[in-house]
Protein backbone atom coordinates (compact mmCIF):
# COMPACT_ATOMS: atom_id res chain seq x y z
CA MET A 1 23.71 21.38 0.00
CA ILE A 2 22.75 19.85 -3.25
CA THR A 3 23.79 21.28 -6.18
CA ILE A 4 21.97 20.82 -9.96
CA GLU A 5 25.05 20.08 -11.33
CA THR A 6 25.40 17.55 -8.41
CA MET A 7 22.34 15.92 -8.79
CA ILE A 8 23.20 15.94 -13.02
CA GLU A 9 25.90 13.64 -12.20
CA PHE A 10 24.54 11.26 -9.89
CA LEU A 11 21.66 10.96 -12.25
CA GLY A 12 24.10 10.73 -15.22
CA TRP A 13 26.35 7.90 -13.03
CA CYS A 14 22.57 6.06 -11.77
CA SER A 15 22.39 5.93 -15.52
CA VAL A 16 25.30 4.14 -16.35
CA ILE A 17 25.31 1.72 -13.39
CA ASN A 18 21.31 1.09 -13.85
CA ILE A 19 21.91 0.73 -18.30
CA GLY A 20 24.72 -2.07 -16.79
CA ILE A 21 23.40 -4.03 -15.06
CA LEU A 22 20.13 -4.11 -17.63
CA ILE A 23 22.88 -5.33 -20.06
CA PHE A 24 23.92 -7.60 -17.81
CA TYR A 25 21.03 -9.62 -17.18
CA SER A 26 19.92 -9.23 -20.94
CA ILE A 27 23.36 -10.79 -21.78
CA CYS A 28 22.67 -13.77 -18.68
CA ILE A 29 18.92 -14.41 -20.16
CA ILE A 30 19.16 -14.57 -23.41
CA ILE A 31 22.74 -17.07 -22.78
CA PHE A 32 21.53 -18.88 -19.67
CA THR A 33 17.90 -19.34 -20.34
CA ASP A 34 17.26 -22.93 -20.81
CA THR A 35 19.54 -23.36 -17.26
CA MET A 36 17.58 -20.45 -15.35
CA VAL A 37 14.05 -21.87 -17.39
CA LYS A 38 15.00 -25.30 -15.97
CA ILE A 39 15.60 -23.60 -12.53
CA HIS A 40 12.55 -21.66 -12.28
CA THR A 41 10.21 -24.43 -13.03
CA LYS A 42 10.79 -26.70 -10.86
CA MET A 43 11.69 -24.60 -8.16
CA PHE A 44 8.49 -22.51 -8.91
CA ASP A 45 6.28 -25.32 -10.37
CA LEU A 46 5.83 -22.52 -13.28
CA ASP A 47 5.07 -23.69 -16.93
CA LYS A 48 8.26 -23.01 -18.79
CA ASN A 49 6.57 -20.78 -20.98
CA TYR A 50 5.12 -18.55 -18.49
CA VAL A 51 8.78 -18.20 -16.67
CA ILE A 52 10.19 -16.72 -20.38
CA GLN A 53 7.86 -14.32 -20.43
CA ALA A 54 8.37 -12.94 -16.59
CA TYR A 55 12.31 -12.58 -17.15
CA PHE A 56 11.10 -10.14 -20.22
CA LYS A 57 8.50 -8.83 -17.93
CA TYR A 58 11.06 -8.05 -15.87
CA LEU A 59 12.91 -6.69 -18.07
CA ALA A 60 10.93 -4.20 -19.93
CA GLN A 61 9.49 -2.92 -16.18
CA TYR A 62 13.76 -2.30 -15.19
CA LYS A 63 13.84 -0.31 -18.60
CA ILE A 64 10.64 1.57 -17.92
CA ILE A 65 11.40 2.80 -14.02
CA LEU A 66 15.00 3.43 -15.56
CA ILE A 67 13.68 5.83 -18.27
CA ILE A 68 11.46 7.18 -16.19
CA PHE A 69 13.22 7.69 -13.07
CA ASN A 70 17.31 8.82 -14.28
CA ILE A 71 17.12 9.44 -17.14
CA VAL A 72 14.48 11.87 -18.27
CA PRO A 73 15.55 13.47 -14.68
CA TYR A 74 19.30 13.36 -15.82
CA PHE A 75 17.54 15.11 -19.64
CA ALA A 76 15.48 17.51 -17.90
CA LEU A 77 18.07 19.09 -15.85
CA LYS A 78 20.81 18.90 -18.50
CA ILE A 79 17.94 21.39 -20.52
CA MET A 80 17.40 23.12 -17.13
CA THR A 81 21.55 24.49 -17.27
């Protein structure tokens, strides 16, 4: 049986790992933007501006999902205990 304390710890570690992934990909996109844009524009025959917008849209969606499914439940359970 999973206790509330176990679930709090689980969500806490999920949040830490997902924040690390978000930071890693954000840094990669900032540092390697030109290289990644060249690869993806050639690979998928897309416009450069569209690819850059897609990168930031991806990061924004990842951040929203992280907040909704990891951070908010973590704090809700912390408040309950």
